[in-house]
C-alpha atoms as a PDB file:
ATOM      1  CA  MET A   1      41.534 -26.875-110.608  1.00  0.00           C
ATOM      2  CA  ARG A   2      44.673 -24.762-110.959  1.00  0.00           C
ATOM      3  CA  THR A   3      44.971 -24.300-107.187  1.00  0.00           C
ATOM      4  CA  ARG A   4      44.553 -28.001-106.600  1.00  0.00           C
ATOM      5  CA  THR A   5      46.980 -28.835-109.407  1.00  0.00           C
ATOM      6  CA  SER A   6      49.613 -26.462-108.041  1.00  0.00           C
ATOM      7  CA  THR A   7      49.308 -28.040-104.606  1.00  0.00           C
ATOM      8  CA  VAL A   8      49.571 -31.538-106.057  1.00  0.00           C
ATOM      9  CA  ARG A   9      52.538 -30.505-108.190  1.00  0.00           C
ATOM     10  CA  ARG A  10      54.389 -29.120-105.166  1.00  0.00           C
ATOM     11  CA  GLY A  11      53.686 -32.310-103.245  1.00  0.00           C
ATOM     12  CA  LEU A  12      54.800 -34.557-106.091  1.00  0.00           C
ATOM     13  CA  ILE A  13      57.954 -32.516-106.708  1.00  0.00           C
ATOM     14  CA  ALA A  14      58.606 -33.008-103.002  1.00  0.00           C
ATOM     15  CA  VAL A  15      58.570 -36.755-103.602  1.00  0.00           C
ATOM     16  CA  VAL A  16      61.201 -36.429-106.305  1.00  0.00           C
ATOM     17  CA  LEU A  17      63.407 -34.010-104.383  1.00  0.00           C
ATOM     18  CA  ALA A  18      63.090 -35.990-101.161  1.00  0.00           C
ATOM     19  CA  VAL A  19      64.682 -38.985-102.819  1.00  0.00           C
ATOM     20  CA  GLY A  20      67.903 -37.139-103.545  1.00  0.00           C
ATOM     21  CA  LEU A  21      67.946 -35.396-100.203  1.00  0.00           C
ATOM     22  CA  LEU A  22      67.313 -38.612 -98.315  1.00  0.00           C
ATOM     23  CA  ALA A  23      70.147 -40.357-100.112  1.00  0.00           C
ATOM     24  CA  ALA A  24      72.527 -37.715 -98.826  1.00  0.00           C
ATOM     25  CA  ALA A  25      71.000 -37.386 -95.384  1.00  0.00           C
ATOM     26  CA  CYS A  26      70.519 -40.968 -94.276  1.00  0.00           C
ATOM     27  CA  GLY A  27      71.240 -43.404 -97.080  1.00  0.00           C
ATOM     28  CA  SER A  28      69.088 -46.383 -98.077  1.00  0.00           C
ATOM     29  CA  ASP A  29      68.181 -49.391 -95.975  1.00  0.00           C
ATOM     30  CA  ASP A  30      67.762 -51.627 -99.003  1.00  0.00           C
ATOM     31  CA  ASP A  31      70.286 -52.873-101.527  1.00  0.00           C
ATOM     32  CA  ALA A  32      68.936 -52.014-104.972  1.00  0.00           C
ATOM     33  CA  SER A  33      70.473 -55.197-106.345  1.00  0.00           C
ATOM     34  CA  ALA A  34      67.955 -57.237-104.338  1.00  0.00           C
ATOM     35  CA  ALA A  35      64.956 -55.507-105.942  1.00  0.00           C
ATOM     36  CA  PRO A  36      64.644 -57.756-109.010  1.00  0.00           C
ATOM     37  CA  ALA A  37      64.362 -60.836-106.800  1.00  0.00           C
ATOM     38  CA  ARG A  38      61.728 -59.147-104.661  1.00  0.00           C
ATOM     39  CA  ALA A  39      59.763 -58.104-107.726  1.00  0.00           C
ATOM     40  CA  ALA A  40      59.925 -61.586-109.222  1.00  0.00           C
ATOM     41  CA  GLU A  41      58.689 -63.130-105.992  1.00  0.00           C
ATOM     42  CA  ALA A  42      55.784 -60.701-105.745  1.00  0.00           C
ATOM     43  CA  SER A  43      54.868 -61.217-109.409  1.00  0.00           C
ATOM     44  CA  ASP A  44      54.542 -65.015-109.264  1.00  0.00           C
ATOM     45  CA  HIS A  45      50.818 -65.218-109.977  1.00  0.00           C
ATOM     46  CA  GLY A  46      49.572 -67.496-112.761  1.00  0.00           C
ATOM     47  CA  HIS A  47      46.379 -67.280-114.754  1.00  0.00           C
ATOM     48  CA  ASP A  48      43.663 -69.933-114.759  1.00  0.00           C
ATOM     49  CA  ALA A  49      42.978 -71.106-118.317  1.00  0.00           C
ATOM     50  CA  ASP A  50      39.336 -71.653-117.309  1.00  0.00           C
ATOM     51  CA  GLU A  51      38.772 -68.201-115.843  1.00  0.00           C
ATOM     52  CA  SER A  52      35.513 -66.556-116.854  1.00  0.00           C
ATOM     53  CA  SER A  53      35.210 -63.662-119.242  1.00  0.00           C
ATOM     54  CA  ALA A  54      34.296 -61.441-116.283  1.00  0.00           C
ATOM     55  CA  ALA A  55      37.497 -62.448-114.485  1.00  0.00           C
ATOM     56  CA  VAL A  56      39.556 -61.789-117.622  1.00  0.00           C
ATOM     57  CA  GLU A  57      37.972 -58.352-117.938  1.00  0.00           C
ATOM     58  CA  LEU A  58      38.710 -57.540-114.299  1.00  0.00           C
ATOM     59  CA  ARG A  59      42.327 -58.641-114.672  1.00  0.00           C
ATOM     60  CA  GLN A  60      42.760 -56.460-117.752  1.00  0.00           C
ATOM     61  CA  ASP A  61      41.123 -53.487-116.029  1.00  0.00           C
ATOM     62  CA  MET A  62      43.211 -53.920-112.889  1.00  0.00           C
ATOM     63  CA  ARG A  63      46.420 -54.168-114.910  1.00  0.00           C
ATOM     64  CA  LYS A  64      45.480 -51.001-116.797  1.00  0.00           C
ATOM     65  CA  LEU A  65      44.888 -49.091-113.562  1.00  0.00           C
ATOM     66  CA  TRP A  66      48.207 -50.072-112.004  1.00  0.00           C
ATOM     67  CA  GLU A  67      50.151 -49.672-115.249  1.00  0.00           C
ATOM     68  CA  ASP A  68      48.703 -46.167-115.419  1.00  0.00           C
ATOM     69  CA  HIS A  69      49.944 -45.642-111.880  1.00  0.00           C
ATOM     70  CA  VAL A  70      53.567 -46.457-112.664  1.00  0.00           C
ATOM     71  CA  THR A  71      53.472 -44.889-116.139  1.00  0.00           C
ATOM     72  CA  TRP A  72      52.202 -41.526-114.952  1.00  0.00           C
ATOM     73  CA  THR A  73      54.449 -41.599-111.910  1.00  0.00           C
ATOM     74  CA  ARG A  74      57.387 -42.017-114.274  1.00  0.00           C
ATOM     75  CA  GLN A  75      56.110 -39.329-116.627  1.00  0.00           C
ATOM     76  CA  PHE A  76      55.795 -36.911-113.743  1.00  0.00           C
ATOM     77  CA  ILE A  77      59.301 -37.686-112.467  1.00  0.00           C
ATOM     78  CA  VAL A  78      60.782 -37.150-115.938  1.00  0.00           C
ATOM     79  CA  SER A  79      58.886 -33.896-116.477  1.00  0.00           C
ATOM     80  CA  ALA A  80      59.470 -32.467-113.001  1.00  0.00           C
ATOM     81  CA  VAL A  81      63.197 -33.194-112.946  1.00  0.00           C
ATOM     82  CA  ALA A  82      63.649 -31.664-116.421  1.00  0.00           C
ATOM     83  CA  GLY A  83      61.327 -28.713-115.715  1.00  0.00           C
ATOM     84  CA  LEU A  84      59.101 -29.516-118.699  1.00  0.00           C
ATOM     85  CA  PRO A  85      55.858 -27.594-119.374  1.00  0.00           C
ATOM     86  CA  ASP A  86      53.682 -30.718-119.103  1.00  0.00           C
ATOM     87  CA  THR A  87      54.466 -31.228-115.408  1.00  0.00           C
ATOM     88  CA  ASP A  88      51.082 -29.947-114.190  1.00  0.00           C
ATOM     89  CA  ILE A  89      49.194 -32.077-116.704  1.00  0.00           C
ATOM     90  CA  ALA A  90      51.131 -35.179-115.635  1.00  0.00           C
ATOM     91  CA  ALA A  91      50.328 -34.327-112.003  1.00  0.00           C
ATOM     92  CA  GLU A  92      46.610 -34.050-112.768  1.00  0.00           C
ATOM     93  CA  ARG A  93      46.625 -37.388-114.568  1.00  0.00           C
ATOM     94  CA  LEU A  94      48.483 -39.088-111.716  1.00  0.00           C
ATOM     95  CA  LEU A  95      46.008 -37.665-109.215  1.00  0.00           C
ATOM     96  CA  GLN A  96      43.114 -38.979-111.297  1.00  0.00           C
ATOM     97  CA  ASN A  97      44.682 -42.439-111.262  1.00  0.00           C
ATOM     98  CA  GLN A  98      44.554 -42.543-107.466  1.00  0.00           C
ATOM     99  CA  THR A  99      40.855 -41.762-107.616  1.00  0.00           C
ATOM    100  CA  ASP A 100      40.357 -44.378-110.338  1.00  0.00           C
ATOM    101  CA  ILE A 101      41.981 -47.069-108.183  1.00  0.00           C
ATOM    102  CA  GLY A 102      39.757 -46.108-105.266  1.00  0.00           C
ATOM    103  CA  ASP A 103      36.689 -46.248-107.509  1.00  0.00           C
ATOM    104  CA  ALA A 104      37.656 -49.738-108.700  1.00  0.00           C
ATOM    105  CA  ILE A 105      37.840 -50.961-105.117  1.00  0.00           C
ATOM    106  CA  ALA A 106      34.534 -49.251-104.331  1.00  0.00           C
ATOM    107  CA  THR A 107      32.813 -51.431-106.940  1.00  0.00           C
ATOM    108  CA  TYR A 108      33.311 -54.415-104.629  1.00  0.00           C
ATOM    109  CA  TYR A 109      33.796 -52.942-101.147  1.00  0.00           C
ATOM    110  CA  GLY A 110      31.686 -49.779-101.158  1.00  0.00           C
ATOM    111  CA  GLU A 111      32.291 -46.060-101.592  1.00  0.00           C
ATOM    112  CA  ASP A 112      33.717 -45.564 -98.104  1.00  0.00           C
ATOM    113  CA  ALA A 113      36.399 -48.166 -98.771  1.00  0.00           C
ATOM    114  CA  GLY A 114      37.222 -46.619-102.129  1.00  0.00           C
ATOM    115  CA  GLN A 115      37.573 -43.173-100.584  1.00  0.00           C
ATOM    116  CA  ARG A 116      39.775 -44.543 -97.813  1.00  0.00           C
ATOM    117  CA  LEU A 117      42.150 -46.145-100.307  1.00  0.00           C
ATOM    118  CA  THR A 118      42.350 -42.903-102.281  1.00  0.00           C
ATOM    119  CA  GLU A 119      43.201 -41.034 -99.079  1.00  0.00           C
ATOM    120  CA  LEU A 120      45.940 -43.514 -98.215  1.00  0.00           C
ATOM    121  CA  LEU A 121      47.494 -43.127-101.656  1.00  0.00           C
ATOM    122  CA  ARG A 122      47.508 -39.333-101.331  1.00  0.00           C
ATOM    123  CA  ASP A 123      49.203 -39.553 -97.941  1.00  0.00           C
ATOM    124  CA  HIS A 124      52.399 -40.608 -99.705  1.00  0.00           C
ATOM    125  CA  ILE A 125      52.601 -37.113-101.207  1.00  0.00           C
ATOM    126  CA  LEU A 126      52.008 -35.248 -97.951  1.00  0.00           C
ATOM    127  CA  ILE A 127      54.604 -37.242 -96.037  1.00  0.00           C
ATOM    128  CA  ALA A 128      57.162 -36.675 -98.790  1.00  0.00           C
ATOM    129  CA  ALA A 129      56.607 -32.911 -98.560  1.00  0.00           C
ATOM    130  CA  ASP A 130      57.538 -33.057 -94.870  1.00  0.00           C
ATOM    131  CA  LEU A 131      60.637 -35.054 -95.777  1.00  0.00           C
ATOM    132  CA  VAL A 132      61.919 -32.243 -97.986  1.00  0.00           C
ATOM    133  CA  GLY A 133      61.724 -29.628 -95.252  1.00  0.00           C
ATOM    134  CA  ALA A 134      63.504 -31.877 -92.773  1.00  0.00           C
ATOM    135  CA  ALA A 135      66.220 -32.840 -95.242  1.00  0.00           C
ATOM    136  CA  LYS A 136      66.880 -29.211 -96.219  1.00  0.00           C
ATOM    137  CA  ALA A 137      67.266 -28.361 -92.545  1.00  0.00           C
ATOM    138  CA  ASN A 138      69.705 -31.276 -92.156  1.00  0.00           C
ATOM    139  CA  ASP A 139      67.401 -32.598 -89.457  1.00  0.00           C
ATOM    140  CA  THR A 140      68.458 -36.236 -89.667  1.00  0.00           C
ATOM    141  CA  ALA A 141      66.164 -37.359 -86.858  1.00  0.00           C
ATOM    142  CA  THR A 142      63.098 -35.897 -88.534  1.00  0.00           C
ATOM    143  CA  VAL A 143      64.169 -37.254 -91.920  1.00  0.00           C
ATOM    144  CA  THR A 144      64.353 -40.732 -90.418  1.00  0.00           C
ATOM    145  CA  ALA A 145      60.993 -40.337 -88.690  1.00  0.00           C
ATOM    146  CA  LYS A 146      59.259 -39.121 -91.841  1.00  0.00           C
ATOM    147  CA  ARG A 147      60.840 -41.824 -93.940  1.00  0.00           C
ATOM    148  CA  ASP A 148      59.543 -44.379 -91.443  1.00  0.00           C
ATOM    149  CA  ALA A 149      56.117 -42.747 -91.701  1.00  0.00           C
ATOM    150  CA  TRP A 150      56.183 -43.186 -95.463  1.00  0.00           C
ATOM    151  CA  TYR A 151      56.749 -46.902 -95.098  1.00  0.00           C
ATOM    152  CA  ALA A 152      54.181 -47.015 -92.298  1.00  0.00           C
ATOM    153  CA  ASN A 153      51.712 -45.652 -94.842  1.00  0.00           C
ATOM    154  CA  ALA A 154      52.491 -48.657 -97.049  1.00  0.00           C
ATOM    155  CA  HIS A 155      51.738 -50.846 -94.031  1.00  0.00           C
ATOM    156  CA  ASP A 156      48.414 -49.047 -93.554  1.00  0.00           C
ATOM    157  CA  ILE A 157      47.491 -49.779 -97.166  1.00  0.00           C
ATOM    158  CA  ALA A 158      48.392 -53.433 -96.666  1.00  0.00           C
ATOM    159  CA  VAL A 159      46.281 -53.643 -93.502  1.00  0.00           C
ATOM    160  CA  PHE A 160      43.362 -51.972 -95.270  1.00  0.00           C
ATOM    161  CA  LEU A 161      43.462 -54.493 -98.104  1.00  0.00           C
ATOM    162  CA  ALA A 162      43.983 -57.478 -95.798  1.00  0.00           C
ATOM    163  CA  ASP A 163      41.006 -56.429 -93.691  1.00  0.00           C
ATOM    164  CA  ALA A 164      38.889 -56.208 -96.831  1.00  0.00           C
ATOM    165  CA  ASN A 165      39.843 -59.607 -98.232  1.00  0.00           C
ATOM    166  CA  PRO A 166      41.333 -62.672 -96.474  1.00  0.00           C
ATOM    167  CA  ALA A 167      42.903 -63.705 -99.803  1.00  0.00           C
ATOM    168  CA  TRP A 168      45.314 -60.776 -99.387  1.00  0.00           C
ATOM    169  CA  PRO A 169      47.531 -61.651 -96.373  1.00  0.00           C
ATOM    170  CA  VAL A 170      48.860 -58.511 -94.763  1.00  0.00           C
ATOM    171  CA  ASP A 171      52.508 -59.632 -94.864  1.00  0.00           C
ATOM    172  CA  THR A 172      52.315 -60.447 -98.562  1.00  0.00           C
ATOM    173  CA  VAL A 173      50.613 -57.195 -99.498  1.00  0.00           C
ATOM    174  CA  GLU A 174      52.987 -55.171 -97.328  1.00  0.00           C
ATOM    175  CA  GLN A 175      55.999 -56.727 -99.057  1.00  0.00           C
ATOM    176  CA  MET A 176      54.511 -55.872-102.440  1.00  0.00           C
ATOM    177  CA  MET A 177      53.894 -52.287-101.324  1.00  0.00           C
ATOM    178  CA  ARG A 178      57.403 -51.915 -99.927  1.00  0.00           C
ATOM    179  CA  THR A 179      58.944 -53.291-103.112  1.00  0.00           C
ATOM    180  CA  HIS A 180      56.935 -50.805-105.147  1.00  0.00           C
ATOM    181  CA  LEU A 181      58.097 -47.957-102.919  1.00  0.00           C
ATOM    182  CA  ASP A 182      61.731 -49.098-102.908  1.00  0.00           C
ATOM    183  CA  ASP A 183      61.871 -49.378-106.680  1.00  0.00           C
ATOM    184  CA  THR A 184      60.135 -46.049-107.253  1.00  0.00           C
ATOM    185  CA  LEU A 185      62.692 -44.377-104.985  1.00  0.00           C
ATOM    186  CA  ALA A 186      65.449 -46.035-106.983  1.00  0.00           C
ATOM    187  CA  GLU A 187      63.873 -44.844-110.240  1.00  0.00           C
ATOM    188  CA  ALA A 188      63.602 -41.231-109.064  1.00  0.00           C
ATOM    189  CA  THR A 189      67.122 -41.227-107.609  1.00  0.00           C
ATOM    190  CA  ALA A 190      68.572 -42.515-110.877  1.00  0.00           C
ATOM    191  CA  ARG A 191      66.708 -39.854-112.845  1.00  0.00           C
ATOM    192  CA  ILE A 192      67.868 -37.056-110.527  1.00  0.00           C
ATOM    193  CA  THR A 193      71.494 -38.176-110.626  1.00  0.00           C
ATOM    194  CA  GLY A 194      71.512 -38.849-114.365  1.00  0.00           C
ATOM    195  CA  ASP A 195      72.204 -42.564-114.054  1.00  0.00           C
ATOM    196  CA  TRP A 196      70.228 -43.444-117.167  1.00  0.00           C
ATOM    197  CA  ASP A 197      70.996 -47.173-117.192  1.00  0.00           C
ATOM    198  CA  ALA A 198      69.768 -47.490-113.600  1.00  0.00           C
ATOM    199  CA  ASP A 199      66.749 -45.341-114.430  1.00  0.00           C
ATOM    200  CA  VAL A 200      65.639 -47.690-117.217  1.00  0.00           C
ATOM    201  CA  ALA A 201      66.390 -50.804-115.175  1.00  0.00           C
ATOM    202  CA  ALA A 202      64.357 -49.482-112.236  1.00  0.00           C
ATOM    203  CA  TYR A 203      61.321 -48.812-114.403  1.00  0.00           C
ATOM    204  CA  ASP A 204      61.537 -52.286-115.939  1.00  0.00           C
ATOM    205  CA  ARG A 205      61.448 -53.757-112.420  1.00  0.00           C
ATOM    206  CA  ILE A 206      58.563 -51.492-111.458  1.00  0.00           C
ATOM    207  CA  HIS A 207      56.516 -52.455-114.508  1.00  0.00           C
ATOM    208  CA  THR A 208      57.015 -56.192-114.012  1.00  0.00           C
ATOM    209  CA  HIS A 209      56.270 -55.947-110.309  1.00  0.00           C
ATOM    210  CA  ILE A 210      53.092 -53.890-110.698  1.00  0.00           C
ATOM    211  CA  LEU A 211      51.602 -56.433-113.100  1.00  0.00           C
ATOM    212  CA  GLY A 212      52.100 -59.137-110.478  1.00  0.00           C
ATOM    213  CA  MET A 213      50.546 -56.919-107.832  1.00  0.00           C
ATOM    214  CA  ALA A 214      47.540 -56.179-110.052  1.00  0.00           C
ATOM    215  CA  ASP A 215      47.060 -59.892-110.735  1.00  0.00           C
ATOM    216  CA  ALA A 216      47.214 -60.677-107.021  1.00  0.00           C
ATOM    217  CA  LEU A 217      44.482 -58.126-106.327  1.00  0.00           C
ATOM    218  CA  THR A 218      42.369 -59.544-109.152  1.00  0.00           C
ATOM    219  CA  ALA A 219      42.763 -63.129-107.910  1.00  0.00           C
ATOM    220  CA  GLY A 220      41.661 -62.077-104.433  1.00  0.00           C
ATOM    221  CA  ILE A 221      38.533 -60.320-105.681  1.00  0.00           C
ATOM    222  CA  VAL A 222      37.542 -63.285-107.862  1.00  0.00           C
ATOM    223  CA  GLU A 223      38.053 -65.649-104.929  1.00  0.00           C
ATOM    224  CA  GLN A 224      36.001 -63.501-102.562  1.00  0.00           C
ATOM    225  CA  PHE A 225      33.127 -62.800-104.967  1.00  0.00           C
ATOM    226  CA  PRO A 226      32.826 -65.976-107.083  1.00  0.00           C
ATOM    227  CA  ASP A 227      29.177 -65.358-107.969  1.00  0.00           C
ATOM    228  CA  ARG A 228      30.166 -62.174-109.807  1.00  0.00           C
ATOM    229  CA  PHE A 229      32.559 -64.046-112.075  1.00  0.00           C
ATOM    230  CA  GLU A 230      30.406 -66.802-113.481  1.00  0.00           C
ATOM    231  CA  ASP A 231      29.778 -66.836-117.241  1.00  0.00           C
END
């Protein structure tokens, strides 16, 4: 466990450090001021007053999973940047969340699908580690390529979900994934640079956005498997 945790910690610290290095090396393609509008658009999912108790339970469970994702991501960023002694524990909890999300998908789409989603989520960490090495070497071309690969990973997740469920259009899911990535980068950058107002504002956007994303995933599952959501 300790070996695995140390590896995960190094990879996750790479995510945090890569943000600051990337800002200096190549700048950002997205204006942070546009993020609230993107989050609001992605979060526009209502709730059916007649939804079954099973659908309500799924929505609550899905929200919990994705709130855990952004909560423990934030906790890790805070701990890693400050060098706090709970950094490894936060890393373990964040890693478990990726497995939990995969397991939730496996309930409806099978174990292979759940494992594939978990693998895709972990790829974010590995790509970020490569970003750090390139940024430290001032290798702008590699930084750009790895940054593109990180967003390509978000595309792969969107394609995976769209292939699993026609209620999740690939363009819609990809935009939600990109918004999540953009805002998380903004959150980490603000924390690293000590811009506390921006740090809080970024997390508020992230939290609102992830609830909309969780609800969209829930709605798609209920639509695809109606027989499993009848009271």
